[in-house]
């Protein structure tokens, strides 16, 4: 039985939706950072559908890629 990319994509959207709802429950700077994580999570999940069987793994991979890019940008700016 093959895996369904549609169901992985839907599960990733459910995860980011839950993260976004949780972000809005936070206050101030915590909310800003949490919403940034949600945005990061959504950036590469399409690629993750093909590389991962687990939607949470795809979402976390996306966030980690974006954190790495942000770290690199900050390092270059200093």
N, C-alpha and C. Protein backbone atom coordinates (compact mmCIF):
# COMPACT_ATOMS: atom_id res chain seq x y z
N UNK A 1 0.85 -1.17 0.00
CA UNK A 1 0.00 0.00 0.00
C UNK A 1 0.90 1.24 0.00
N UNK A 2 0.69 2.15 -0.94
CA UNK A 2 1.47 3.38 -1.02
C UNK A 2 0.96 4.43 -0.06
N UNK A 3 1.81 5.37 0.20
CA UNK A 3 1.38 6.46 1.08
C UNK A 3 0.68 7.53 0.27
N UNK A 4 -0.14 8.28 0.92
CA UNK A 4 -0.91 9.32 0.26
C UNK A 4 -0.31 10.68 0.59
N UNK A 5 0.20 11.37 -0.43
CA UNK A 5 0.77 12.70 -0.21
C UNK A 5 -0.30 13.68 0.23
N UNK A 6 -1.52 13.48 -0.25
CA UNK A 6 -2.62 14.35 0.15
C UNK A 6 -2.88 14.27 1.64
N UNK A 7 -2.87 13.06 2.17
CA UNK A 7 -3.15 12.93 3.60
C UNK A 7 -1.99 13.48 4.43
N UNK A 8 -0.76 13.34 3.95
CA UNK A 8 0.39 13.93 4.65
C UNK A 8 0.27 15.44 4.64
N UNK A 9 -0.11 16.00 3.50
CA UNK A 9 -0.27 17.45 3.39
C UNK A 9 -1.38 17.93 4.32
N UNK A 10 -2.49 17.22 4.33
CA UNK A 10 -3.60 17.60 5.21
C UNK A 10 -3.19 17.52 6.68
N UNK A 11 -2.45 16.49 7.04
CA UNK A 11 -2.00 16.36 8.42
C UNK A 11 -1.03 17.49 8.78
N UNK A 12 -0.16 17.87 7.85
CA UNK A 12 0.76 18.98 8.11
C UNK A 12 -0.02 20.28 8.29
N UNK A 13 -1.06 20.48 7.51
CA UNK A 13 -1.90 21.67 7.68
C UNK A 13 -2.63 21.66 9.02
N UNK A 14 -3.05 20.49 9.46
CA UNK A 14 -3.68 20.38 10.77
C UNK A 14 -2.70 20.74 11.88
N UNK A 15 -1.47 20.28 11.76
CA UNK A 15 -0.44 20.58 12.76
C UNK A 15 -0.18 22.08 12.81
N UNK A 16 0.03 22.69 11.65
CA UNK A 16 0.31 24.13 11.65
C UNK A 16 -0.91 24.93 12.11
N UNK A 17 -2.09 24.43 11.85
CA UNK A 17 -3.30 25.08 12.34
C UNK A 17 -3.36 25.06 13.86
N UNK A 18 -3.02 23.92 14.45
CA UNK A 18 -2.99 23.82 15.91
C UNK A 18 -1.91 24.73 16.49
N UNK A 19 -0.76 24.77 15.84
CA UNK A 19 0.32 25.64 16.30
C UNK A 19 -0.11 27.11 16.24
N UNK A 20 -0.83 27.46 15.18
CA UNK A 20 -1.28 28.85 15.04
C UNK A 20 -2.29 29.22 16.13
N UNK A 21 -3.22 28.32 16.41
CA UNK A 21 -4.18 28.57 17.49
C UNK A 21 -3.46 28.72 18.82
N UNK A 22 -2.47 27.88 19.05
CA UNK A 22 -1.70 27.98 20.30
C UNK A 22 -0.93 29.29 20.35
N UNK A 23 -0.40 29.72 19.21
CA UNK A 23 0.35 30.99 19.16
C UNK A 23 -0.53 32.15 19.57
N UNK A 24 -1.77 32.17 19.09
CA UNK A 24 -2.67 33.28 19.42
C UNK A 24 -3.06 33.30 20.89
N UNK A 25 -2.85 32.21 21.60
CA UNK A 25 -3.15 32.19 23.03
C UNK A 25 -2.02 32.80 23.85
N UNK A 26 -0.89 33.02 23.22
CA UNK A 26 0.26 33.60 23.91
C UNK A 26 0.19 35.12 23.89
N UNK A 27 1.06 35.75 24.64
CA UNK A 27 1.06 37.21 24.73
C UNK A 27 2.39 37.78 24.26
N UNK A 28 2.31 38.99 23.73
CA UNK A 28 3.49 39.78 23.40
C UNK A 28 4.48 39.09 22.48
N UNK A 29 5.73 39.16 22.91
CA UNK A 29 6.83 38.63 22.11
C UNK A 29 6.70 37.13 21.87
N UNK A 30 6.17 36.40 22.85
CA UNK A 30 5.99 34.96 22.67
C UNK A 30 5.06 34.67 21.50
N UNK A 31 3.99 35.46 21.38
CA UNK A 31 3.06 35.29 20.26
C UNK A 31 3.77 35.55 18.94
N UNK A 32 4.55 36.60 18.87
CA UNK A 32 5.26 36.95 17.64
C UNK A 32 6.18 35.81 17.19
N UNK A 33 6.94 35.26 18.13
CA UNK A 33 7.85 34.17 17.80
C UNK A 33 7.09 32.90 17.42
N UNK A 34 6.02 32.63 18.11
CA UNK A 34 5.22 31.44 17.80
C UNK A 34 4.62 31.55 16.40
N UNK A 35 4.12 32.72 16.05
CA UNK A 35 3.56 32.91 14.69
C UNK A 35 4.66 32.81 13.64
N UNK A 36 5.87 33.26 13.97
CA UNK A 36 6.99 33.11 13.05
C UNK A 36 7.29 31.62 12.83
N UNK A 37 7.22 30.82 13.89
CA UNK A 37 7.43 29.38 13.73
C UNK A 37 6.37 28.75 12.83
N UNK A 38 5.13 29.20 12.98
CA UNK A 38 4.06 28.69 12.12
C UNK A 38 4.37 29.02 10.66
N UNK A 39 4.78 30.25 10.42
CA UNK A 39 5.14 30.66 9.05
C UNK A 39 6.29 29.81 8.52
N UNK A 40 7.30 29.60 9.34
CA UNK A 40 8.44 28.76 8.94
C UNK A 40 7.99 27.34 8.64
N UNK A 41 7.08 26.83 9.44
CA UNK A 41 6.61 25.46 9.28
C UNK A 41 5.92 25.26 7.94
N UNK A 42 5.30 26.30 7.43
CA UNK A 42 4.54 26.20 6.18
C UNK A 42 5.41 26.34 4.94
N UNK A 43 6.63 26.79 5.08
CA UNK A 43 7.46 27.11 3.91
C UNK A 43 7.94 25.92 3.11
N UNK A 44 8.29 24.82 3.76
CA UNK A 44 8.90 23.69 3.05
C UNK A 44 8.13 22.40 3.17
N UNK A 45 6.94 22.46 3.71
CA UNK A 45 6.24 21.21 3.93
C UNK A 45 5.88 20.51 2.63
N UNK A 46 5.72 21.24 1.55
CA UNK A 46 5.43 20.59 0.27
C UNK A 46 6.56 19.66 -0.13
N UNK A 47 7.80 20.13 0.03
CA UNK A 47 8.95 19.27 -0.26
C UNK A 47 8.98 18.08 0.68
N UNK A 48 8.57 18.32 1.91
CA UNK A 48 8.59 17.27 2.92
C UNK A 48 7.64 16.13 2.64
N UNK A 49 6.59 16.40 1.87
CA UNK A 49 5.63 15.34 1.56
C UNK A 49 6.31 14.20 0.84
N UNK A 50 7.30 14.51 0.04
CA UNK A 50 7.97 13.49 -0.75
C UNK A 50 9.12 12.84 0.01
N UNK A 51 9.66 13.53 0.99
CA UNK A 51 10.83 13.03 1.70
C UNK A 51 10.48 12.31 3.00
N UNK A 52 9.34 12.61 3.57
CA UNK A 52 8.99 12.07 4.89
C UNK A 52 7.65 11.34 4.86
N UNK A 53 7.55 10.34 5.70
CA UNK A 53 6.28 9.64 5.89
C UNK A 53 5.45 10.29 6.98
N UNK A 54 6.11 11.00 7.87
CA UNK A 54 5.46 11.58 9.05
C UNK A 54 5.27 13.08 8.84
N UNK A 55 4.04 13.57 8.87
CA UNK A 55 3.80 15.00 8.64
C UNK A 55 4.45 15.89 9.69
N UNK A 56 4.52 15.43 10.94
CA UNK A 56 5.17 16.23 11.97
C UNK A 56 6.65 16.37 11.66
N UNK A 57 7.25 15.32 11.18
CA UNK A 57 8.66 15.37 10.80
C UNK A 57 8.86 16.38 9.66
N UNK A 58 7.97 16.40 8.70
CA UNK A 58 8.06 17.36 7.59
C UNK A 58 7.94 18.79 8.10
N UNK A 59 7.02 19.03 9.02
CA UNK A 59 6.81 20.37 9.58
C UNK A 59 8.05 20.80 10.36
N UNK A 60 8.56 19.93 11.21
CA UNK A 60 9.73 20.28 12.00
C UNK A 60 10.96 20.49 11.13
N UNK A 61 11.10 19.69 10.10
CA UNK A 61 12.21 19.87 9.16
C UNK A 61 12.15 21.26 8.53
N UNK A 62 10.96 21.68 8.14
CA UNK A 62 10.78 22.99 7.55
C UNK A 62 11.21 24.09 8.52
N UNK A 63 10.79 23.98 9.77
CA UNK A 63 11.15 24.97 10.78
C UNK A 63 12.67 24.99 10.97
N UNK A 64 13.28 23.84 11.05
CA UNK A 64 14.73 23.79 11.27
C UNK A 64 15.51 24.38 10.10
N UNK A 65 15.06 24.14 8.88
CA UNK A 65 15.70 24.75 7.71
C UNK A 65 15.63 26.27 7.82
N UNK A 66 14.46 26.78 8.16
CA UNK A 66 14.29 28.24 8.26
C UNK A 66 15.10 28.83 9.41
N UNK A 67 15.19 28.13 10.53
CA UNK A 67 16.00 28.60 11.65
C UNK A 67 17.47 28.65 11.23
N UNK A 68 17.92 27.64 10.51
CA UNK A 68 19.30 27.64 10.01
C UNK A 68 19.56 28.82 9.08
N UNK A 69 18.62 29.09 8.19
CA UNK A 69 18.77 30.22 7.28
C UNK A 69 18.81 31.54 8.05
N UNK A 70 17.95 31.67 9.05
CA UNK A 70 17.91 32.89 9.86
C UNK A 70 19.22 33.07 10.63
N UNK A 71 19.73 31.98 11.17
CA UNK A 71 21.02 32.04 11.88
C UNK A 71 22.13 32.50 10.96
N UNK A 72 22.14 31.96 9.76
CA UNK A 72 23.16 32.33 8.78
C UNK A 72 23.04 33.80 8.42
N UNK A 73 21.82 34.30 8.21
CA UNK A 73 21.63 35.72 7.89
C UNK A 73 22.14 36.59 9.02
N UNK A 74 21.85 36.22 10.24
CA UNK A 74 22.32 37.01 11.39
C UNK A 74 23.83 36.98 11.51
N UNK A 75 24.43 35.83 11.22
CA UNK A 75 25.89 35.69 11.29
C UNK A 75 26.55 36.58 10.24
N UNK A 76 26.00 36.61 9.05
CA UNK A 76 26.54 37.42 7.96
C UNK A 76 26.39 38.91 8.26
N UNK A 77 25.27 39.29 8.89
CA UNK A 77 25.00 40.70 9.20
C UNK A 77 25.94 41.24 10.28
N UNK A 78 26.55 40.38 11.06
CA UNK A 78 27.42 40.85 12.15
C UNK A 78 28.82 40.74 11.77
